Amino acid sequence: MQKSMVIFDGPQGVGKDALIAELLKRYPDKFKYIVSYSTRDMRPDEVQGNPYFFISTTEFEGKLKTGDIFEYEKWHDTYRGMSHDLIKTATENAIAVKSVGIEGMRILKKLYSGKVLTIFITVNKELLRSRLETLGSPDVDMRMTDYERRISTMDEYDFIVDNDSTLEDLVNRVYEIIKGNLGL
């Protein structure tokens, strides 16, 4: 049975990945992650299919030409993108979750009309900078430039949630939104 998908967006470093990881950990029978393709190098703690299916730039561009990859973004000279088959797999008997940018969200809402719930995670700019600096992020200035771009699009999302507290609080608030809109 195909269910819906929840798409998250927000500035880089706002906690989208931590939120998704916690939803998957707490509710493994309710949520499934949509794995994407990536052309970046696999890190030592990663395996094929977690967190990406790692492929070459040539393979990625070939999948773009055939239409297998329909949504993608380029970040730090590498590509990331989704395919219909990967979404179909993720939405079988679960609610699929994924973090994508504004263009990806627009495409998904168009292609999967009525099946996509979008949630924008935001945070105060100064708090985000402080968190990034505390974590020792090497690209704080680049992420802060990205902050302005992403914040300017937040009104296009179904819900806006401020990550101004703890991960526990964020997960609880987001789960209630999903529960109320998708009938968990």
C-alpha atoms as a PDB file:
ATOM      1  CA  MET A   1       0.000   0.000   0.000  1.00  0.00           C
ATOM      2  CA  GLN A   2       1.503   3.309  -1.045  1.00  0.00           C
ATOM      3  CA  LYS A   3       1.422   5.995   1.605  1.00  0.00           C
ATOM      4  CA  SER A   4       2.723   9.550   1.555  1.00  0.00           C
ATOM      5  CA  MET A   5       6.069  11.219   1.899  1.00  0.00           C
ATOM      6  CA  VAL A   6       7.294  13.990   4.157  1.00  0.00           C
ATOM      7  CA  ILE A   7       9.840  16.371   2.717  1.00  0.00           C
ATOM      8  CA  PHE A   8      12.010  18.520   4.987  1.00  0.00           C
ATOM      9  CA  ASP A   9      13.989  21.604   4.067  1.00  0.00           C
ATOM     10  CA  GLY A  10      15.736  24.393   5.903  1.00  0.00           C
ATOM     11  CA  PRO A  11      19.130  26.039   6.149  1.00  0.00           C
ATOM     12  CA  GLN A  12      22.235  23.865   6.155  1.00  0.00           C
ATOM     13  CA  GLY A  13      23.038  22.837   9.727  1.00  0.00           C
ATOM     14  CA  VAL A  14      19.542  23.417  11.131  1.00  0.00           C
ATOM     15  CA  GLY A  15      19.124  19.766  12.192  1.00  0.00           C
ATOM     16  CA  LYS A  16      17.170  18.140   9.355  1.00  0.00           C
ATOM     17  CA  ASP A  17      19.380  15.040   9.229  1.00  0.00           C
ATOM     18  CA  ALA A  18      19.277  14.591  13.018  1.00  0.00           C
ATOM     19  CA  LEU A  19      15.486  14.954  12.925  1.00  0.00           C
ATOM     20  CA  ILE A  20      15.103  12.346  10.185  1.00  0.00           C
ATOM     21  CA  ALA A  21      17.499   9.944  11.917  1.00  0.00           C
ATOM     22  CA  GLU A  22      15.524  10.219  15.155  1.00  0.00           C
ATOM     23  CA  LEU A  23      12.165   9.683  13.407  1.00  0.00           C
ATOM     24  CA  LEU A  24      13.559   6.544  11.745  1.00  0.00           C
ATOM     25  CA  LYS A  25      15.005   5.307  15.048  1.00  0.00           C
ATOM     26  CA  ARG A  26      11.857   5.896  17.098  1.00  0.00           C
ATOM     27  CA  TYR A  27       9.314   4.774  14.520  1.00  0.00           C
ATOM     28  CA  PRO A  28      10.989   2.219  12.218  1.00  0.00           C
ATOM     29  CA  ASP A  29       7.625   0.658  11.324  1.00  0.00           C
ATOM     30  CA  LYS A  30       6.121   3.996  10.254  1.00  0.00           C
ATOM     31  CA  PHE A  31       8.915   5.784   8.362  1.00  0.00           C
ATOM     32  CA  LYS A  32      11.395   4.843   5.662  1.00  0.00           C
ATOM     33  CA  TYR A  33      14.196   6.976   4.285  1.00  0.00           C
ATOM     34  CA  ILE A  34      14.316   7.770   0.559  1.00  0.00           C
ATOM     35  CA  VAL A  35      17.885   6.935  -0.428  1.00  0.00           C
ATOM     36  CA  SER A  36      19.359   9.135  -3.159  1.00  0.00           C
ATOM     37  CA  TYR A  37      22.201   8.765  -5.602  1.00  0.00           C
ATOM     38  CA  SER A  38      25.391  10.728  -4.914  1.00  0.00           C
ATOM     39  CA  THR A  39      28.624  11.308  -6.783  1.00  0.00           C
ATOM     40  CA  ARG A  40      30.630  12.239  -3.708  1.00  0.00           C
ATOM     41  CA  ASP A  41      33.215   9.848  -2.295  1.00  0.00           C
ATOM     42  CA  MET A  42      31.978   7.294   0.208  1.00  0.00           C
ATOM     43  CA  ARG A  43      33.215   8.006   3.733  1.00  0.00           C
ATOM     44  CA  PRO A  44      34.824   5.267   5.854  1.00  0.00           C
ATOM     45  CA  ASP A  45      31.713   4.798   8.038  1.00  0.00           C
ATOM     46  CA  GLU A  46      29.317   4.535   5.071  1.00  0.00           C
ATOM     47  CA  VAL A  47      28.161   1.627   2.926  1.00  0.00           C
ATOM     48  CA  GLN A  48      26.470   1.433  -0.452  1.00  0.00           C
ATOM     49  CA  GLY A  49      22.821   2.406   0.089  1.00  0.00           C
ATOM     50  CA  ASN A  50      23.437   4.155   3.419  1.00  0.00           C
ATOM     51  CA  PRO A  51      23.217   7.113   3.264  1.00  0.00           C
ATOM     52  CA  TYR A  52      23.438   7.118  -0.567  1.00  0.00           C
ATOM     53  CA  PHE A  53      23.856   4.889  -3.555  1.00  0.00           C
ATOM     54  CA  PHE A  54      27.310   6.113  -4.600  1.00  0.00           C
ATOM     55  CA  ILE A  55      27.850   6.352  -8.350  1.00  0.00           C
ATOM     56  CA  SER A  56      30.233   8.155 -10.701  1.00  0.00           C
ATOM     57  CA  THR A  57      29.431  11.518 -12.266  1.00  0.00           C
ATOM     58  CA  THR A  58      29.182   9.769 -15.647  1.00  0.00           C
ATOM     59  CA  GLU A  59      26.642   7.267 -14.279  1.00  0.00           C
ATOM     60  CA  PHE A  60      24.702  10.072 -12.623  1.00  0.00           C
ATOM     61  CA  GLU A  61      24.548  12.111 -15.825  1.00  0.00           C
ATOM     62  CA  GLY A  62      23.410   8.999 -17.721  1.00  0.00           C
ATOM     63  CA  LYS A  63      20.556   8.475 -15.268  1.00  0.00           C
ATOM     64  CA  LEU A  64      19.593  12.132 -15.692  1.00  0.00           C
ATOM     65  CA  LYS A  65      19.402  11.702 -19.468  1.00  0.00           C
ATOM     66  CA  THR A  66      17.168   8.620 -19.204  1.00  0.00           C
ATOM     67  CA  GLY A  67      14.878  10.302 -16.678  1.00  0.00           C
ATOM     68  CA  ASP A  68      15.648   7.797 -13.920  1.00  0.00           C
ATOM     69  CA  ILE A  69      16.922  10.700 -11.801  1.00  0.00           C
ATOM     70  CA  PHE A  70      14.277  13.423 -11.877  1.00  0.00           C
ATOM     71  CA  GLU A  71      15.338  15.638  -8.947  1.00  0.00           C
ATOM     72  CA  TYR A  72      18.876  16.625  -8.117  1.00  0.00           C
ATOM     73  CA  GLU A  73      21.116  19.292  -6.713  1.00  0.00           C
ATOM     74  CA  LYS A  74      24.780  20.090  -6.947  1.00  0.00           C
ATOM     75  CA  TRP A  75      26.568  20.784  -3.679  1.00  0.00           C
ATOM     76  CA  HIS A  76      30.327  21.166  -3.270  1.00  0.00           C
ATOM     77  CA  ASP A  77      30.912  19.961  -6.869  1.00  0.00           C
ATOM     78  CA  THR A  78      29.033  16.704  -6.317  1.00  0.00           C
ATOM     79  CA  TYR A  79      25.551  15.665  -7.345  1.00  0.00           C
ATOM     80  CA  ARG A  80      22.722  14.199  -5.285  1.00  0.00           C
ATOM     81  CA  GLY A  81      19.442  13.069  -6.794  1.00  0.00           C
ATOM     82  CA  MET A  82      16.346  10.884  -6.493  1.00  0.00           C
ATOM     83  CA  SER A  83      14.647   8.427  -8.805  1.00  0.00           C
ATOM     84  CA  HIS A  84      11.057   7.254  -9.084  1.00  0.00           C
ATOM     85  CA  ASP A  85      12.094   3.659  -8.307  1.00  0.00           C
ATOM     86  CA  LEU A  86      13.781   4.700  -5.055  1.00  0.00           C
ATOM     87  CA  ILE A  87      10.653   6.610  -4.005  1.00  0.00           C
ATOM     88  CA  LYS A  88       8.394   3.687  -4.892  1.00  0.00           C
ATOM     89  CA  THR A  89      10.511   1.396  -2.722  1.00  0.00           C
ATOM     90  CA  ALA A  90      10.464   3.832   0.203  1.00  0.00           C
ATOM     91  CA  THR A  91       6.703   4.433   0.113  1.00  0.00           C
ATOM     92  CA  GLU A  92       5.707   0.765   0.182  1.00  0.00           C
ATOM     93  CA  ASN A  93       4.054   0.243   3.588  1.00  0.00           C
ATOM     94  CA  ALA A  94       5.633   3.341   5.140  1.00  0.00           C
ATOM     95  CA  ILE A  95       5.744   7.102   5.044  1.00  0.00           C
ATOM     96  CA  ALA A  96       8.881   8.103   3.185  1.00  0.00           C
ATOM     97  CA  VAL A  97      11.029  10.897   4.611  1.00  0.00           C
ATOM     98  CA  LYS A  98      13.687  12.977   2.901  1.00  0.00           C
ATOM     99  CA  SER A  99      15.481  16.293   3.103  1.00  0.00           C
ATOM    100  CA  VAL A 100      15.579  18.168  -0.213  1.00  0.00           C
ATOM    101  CA  GLY A 101      15.981  21.757  -1.382  1.00  0.00           C
ATOM    102  CA  ILE A 102      13.299  24.068  -2.697  1.00  0.00           C
ATOM    103  CA  GLU A 103      13.522  22.918  -6.321  1.00  0.00           C
ATOM    104  CA  GLY A 104      13.287  19.285  -5.277  1.00  0.00           C
ATOM    105  CA  MET A 105      10.273  20.059  -3.110  1.00  0.00           C
ATOM    106  CA  ARG A 106       8.534  21.826  -5.979  1.00  0.00           C
ATOM    107  CA  ILE A 107       9.193  18.914  -8.329  1.00  0.00           C
ATOM    108  CA  LEU A 108       8.009  16.315  -5.801  1.00  0.00           C
ATOM    109  CA  LYS A 109       4.808  18.237  -5.066  1.00  0.00           C
ATOM    110  CA  LYS A 110       4.092  18.416  -8.801  1.00  0.00           C
ATOM    111  CA  LEU A 111       4.941  14.772  -9.562  1.00  0.00           C
ATOM    112  CA  TYR A 112       3.301  13.317  -6.451  1.00  0.00           C
ATOM    113  CA  SER A 113       0.419  15.747  -6.055  1.00  0.00           C
ATOM    114  CA  GLY A 114      -1.526  15.213  -2.851  1.00  0.00           C
ATOM    115  CA  LYS A 115       0.989  12.726  -1.431  1.00  0.00           C
ATOM    116  CA  VAL A 116       3.676  15.140  -0.209  1.00  0.00           C
ATOM    117  CA  LEU A 117       3.698  16.942   3.138  1.00  0.00           C
ATOM    118  CA  THR A 118       6.385  19.642   3.311  1.00  0.00           C
ATOM    119  CA  ILE A 119       7.966  20.917   6.513  1.00  0.00           C
ATOM    120  CA  PHE A 120      10.517  23.720   6.695  1.00  0.00           C
ATOM    121  CA  ILE A 121      12.843  23.633   9.714  1.00  0.00           C
ATOM    122  CA  THR A 122      14.190  27.012  10.694  1.00  0.00           C
ATOM    123  CA  VAL A 123      16.178  28.586  13.491  1.00  0.00           C
ATOM    124  CA  ASN A 124      17.287  32.068  14.475  1.00  0.00           C
ATOM    125  CA  LYS A 125      20.333  33.074  12.387  1.00  0.00           C
ATOM    126  CA  GLU A 126      22.513  33.869  15.403  1.00  0.00           C
ATOM    127  CA  LEU A 127      21.620  30.574  17.096  1.00  0.00           C
ATOM    128  CA  LEU A 128      22.500  28.663  13.911  1.00  0.00           C
ATOM    129  CA  ARG A 129      25.870  30.428  13.631  1.00  0.00           C
ATOM    130  CA  SER A 130      26.587  29.647  17.285  1.00  0.00           C
ATOM    131  CA  ARG A 131      25.677  25.966  16.833  1.00  0.00           C
ATOM    132  CA  LEU A 132      27.840  25.679  13.703  1.00  0.00           C
ATOM    133  CA  GLU A 133      30.813  27.347  15.393  1.00  0.00           C
ATOM    134  CA  THR A 134      30.418  25.129  18.485  1.00  0.00           C
ATOM    135  CA  LEU A 135      30.428  22.046  16.240  1.00  0.00           C
ATOM    136  CA  GLY A 136      33.566  23.322  14.496  1.00  0.00           C
ATOM    137  CA  SER A 137      31.955  23.463  11.048  1.00  0.00           C
ATOM    138  CA  PRO A 138      34.623  24.439   8.504  1.00  0.00           C
ATOM    139  CA  ASP A 139      32.189  26.290   6.211  1.00  0.00           C
ATOM    140  CA  VAL A 140      30.193  28.524   8.568  1.00  0.00           C
ATOM    141  CA  ASP A 141      30.195  31.541   6.228  1.00  0.00           C
ATOM    142  CA  MET A 142      29.003  29.471   3.260  1.00  0.00           C
ATOM    143  CA  ARG A 143      26.210  27.950   5.369  1.00  0.00           C
ATOM    144  CA  MET A 144      25.151  31.390   6.561  1.00  0.00           C
ATOM    145  CA  THR A 145      24.896  32.593   2.937  1.00  0.00           C
ATOM    146  CA  ASP A 146      22.787  29.487   2.233  1.00  0.00           C
ATOM    147  CA  TYR A 147      20.638  30.432   5.254  1.00  0.00           C
ATOM    148  CA  GLU A 148      19.409  33.626   3.579  1.00  0.00           C
ATOM    149  CA  ARG A 149      18.556  31.813   0.336  1.00  0.00           C
ATOM    150  CA  ARG A 150      16.615  29.043   2.055  1.00  0.00           C
ATOM    151  CA  ILE A 151      14.777  31.286   4.519  1.00  0.00           C
ATOM    152  CA  SER A 152      13.453  33.336   1.596  1.00  0.00           C
ATOM    153  CA  THR A 153      11.454  30.296   0.382  1.00  0.00           C
ATOM    154  CA  MET A 154       9.993  29.005   3.649  1.00  0.00           C
ATOM    155  CA  ASP A 155       6.488  30.335   2.953  1.00  0.00           C
ATOM    156  CA  GLU A 156       6.121  27.740   0.166  1.00  0.00           C
ATOM    157  CA  TYR A 157       6.030  24.893   2.695  1.00  0.00           C
ATOM    158  CA  ASP A 158       2.989  23.401   4.395  1.00  0.00           C
ATOM    159  CA  PHE A 159       4.479  23.890   7.871  1.00  0.00           C
ATOM    160  CA  ILE A 160       7.320  25.895   9.394  1.00  0.00           C
ATOM    161  CA  VAL A 161       8.880  24.522  12.588  1.00  0.00           C
ATOM    162  CA  ASP A 162      11.443  26.457  14.618  1.00  0.00           C
ATOM    163  CA  ASN A 163      14.304  24.312  15.937  1.00  0.00           C
ATOM    164  CA  ASP A 164      14.915  26.595  18.888  1.00  0.00           C
ATOM    165  CA  SER A 165      14.999  23.954  21.605  1.00  0.00           C
ATOM    166  CA  THR A 166      16.133  20.328  21.854  1.00  0.00           C
ATOM    167  CA  LEU A 167      16.076  17.535  19.289  1.00  0.00           C
ATOM    168  CA  GLU A 168      13.534  15.767  21.504  1.00  0.00           C
ATOM    169  CA  ASP A 169      11.188  18.748  21.311  1.00  0.00           C
ATOM    170  CA  LEU A 170      11.684  19.112  17.545  1.00  0.00           C
ATOM    171  CA  VAL A 171      10.940  15.426  16.907  1.00  0.00           C
ATOM    172  CA  ASN A 172       7.812  15.549  19.073  1.00  0.00           C
ATOM    173  CA  ARG A 173       6.449  18.657  17.336  1.00  0.00           C
ATOM    174  CA  VAL A 174       7.164  17.304  13.845  1.00  0.00           C
ATOM    175  CA  TYR A 175       5.672  13.902  14.676  1.00  0.00           C
ATOM    176  CA  GLU A 176       2.453  15.578  15.830  1.00  0.00           C
ATOM    177  CA  ILE A 177       2.255  17.499  12.535  1.00  0.00           C
ATOM    178  CA  ILE A 178       2.754  14.302  10.543  1.00  0.00           C
ATOM    179  CA  LYS A 179       0.292  12.389  12.722  1.00  0.00           C
ATOM    180  CA  GLY A 180      -2.335  15.096  12.351  1.00  0.00           C
ATOM    181  CA  ASN A 181      -1.974  15.351   8.580  1.00  0.00           C
ATOM    182  CA  LEU A 182      -1.242  11.782   7.499  1.00  0.00           C
ATOM    183  CA  GLY A 183      -3.200   9.893  10.129  1.00  0.00           C
ATOM    184  CA  LEU A 184      -0.466   7.819  11.757  1.00  0.00           C
END
